[in-house]
Protein backbone atom coordinates (compact mmCIF):
# COMPACT_ATOMS: atom_id res chain seq x y z
CA MET A 1 27.36 -14.78 -3.42
CA GLY A 2 24.85 -17.05 -1.65
CA ALA A 3 25.39 -15.81 1.38
CA ASN A 4 23.60 -17.91 4.25
CA VAL A 5 20.93 -16.02 5.99
CA ASP A 6 20.09 -16.73 9.81
CA PRO A 7 16.28 -17.12 10.75
CA SER A 8 16.62 -15.93 13.98
CA THR A 9 18.12 -12.25 12.87
CA THR A 10 15.41 -11.21 9.85
CA LEU A 11 12.51 -10.13 10.49
CA ASP A 12 9.44 -12.02 10.64
CA ARG A 13 6.58 -10.25 8.03
CA ARG A 14 3.60 -11.79 10.26
CA GLY A 15 4.92 -9.89 12.94
CA GLY A 16 6.99 -12.13 14.55
CA GLU A 17 4.76 -15.34 14.72
CA GLU A 18 6.16 -19.02 14.70
CA GLY A 19 9.09 -17.54 16.72
CA LEU A 20 10.59 -15.13 15.28
CA PRO A 21 11.26 -11.70 16.02
CA GLY A 22 8.91 -8.98 14.79
CA VAL A 23 8.40 -5.30 14.78
CA ASP A 24 7.61 -3.89 18.25
CA LYS A 25 3.98 -3.09 18.24
CA LYS A 26 4.98 0.17 20.07
CA ILE A 27 6.60 0.83 17.33
CA GLN A 28 3.79 -0.78 14.98
CA GLU A 29 1.19 1.93 15.62
CA ARG A 30 4.14 5.13 15.52
CA LEU A 31 4.96 4.09 12.53
CA GLY A 32 1.14 3.16 11.47
CA ARG A 33 0.75 6.70 12.66
CA GLN A 34 2.86 8.59 10.87
CA LEU A 35 2.31 6.73 7.13
CA LYS A 36 -1.80 8.16 8.45
CA ALA A 37 -0.58 10.92 8.69
CA LEU A 38 1.34 10.72 5.78
CA TYR A 39 -0.98 10.24 3.09
CA ASP A 40 -4.40 11.51 5.17
CA ASP A 41 -3.01 14.70 2.84
CA VAL A 42 -2.63 11.97 -0.23
CA VAL A 43 -6.40 10.77 0.20
CA LYS A 44 -8.22 14.81 0.50
CA GLN A 45 -6.03 15.81 -2.75
CA PRO A 46 -8.97 15.71 -5.56
CA ILE A 47 -8.57 13.37 -9.14
CA PRO A 48 -6.44 14.93 -11.43
CA ASP A 49 -9.27 15.67 -14.34
CA ARG A 50 -6.37 14.18 -17.27
CA LEU A 51 -6.70 10.93 -14.19
CA LEU A 52 -11.11 11.24 -14.87
CA SER A 53 -10.61 11.01 -18.73
CA LEU A 54 -8.58 8.31 -18.23
CA ILE A 55 -11.74 6.28 -16.22
CA ALA A 56 -13.91 7.88 -18.34
CA GLN A 57 -12.47 5.89 -21.51
CA LEU A 58 -11.63 3.36 -19.84
CA GLU A 59 -15.24 3.04 -18.46
CA LYS A 60 -16.33 3.67 -22.00
CA GLN A 61 -14.62 1.13 -23.37
CA LYS A 62 -15.52 -1.76 -21.41
CA ASN A 63 -19.37 -1.02 -21.30
CA GLY A 64 -19.53 -0.36 -25.36
CA PRO A 65 -20.52 2.93 -27.14
CA GLU A 66 -23.63 4.73 -26.27
CA GLU A 67 -25.65 5.06 -29.34
CA GLU A 68 -26.70 8.67 -29.84
């Protein structure tokens, strides 16, 4: 099943270095704006209480039990 892939038809993850075709700069910018708009709402959401509780438990384990 090992199909031969022509490297000139694949996208270069580094944005077109070494002569391989990459994603056009304008397309990269548009994708970046769309992704930022999508994730801005996620970043602004509060952290769920359950996650905060789990983080506190992990920090307590990492620092050892506190003396009361």
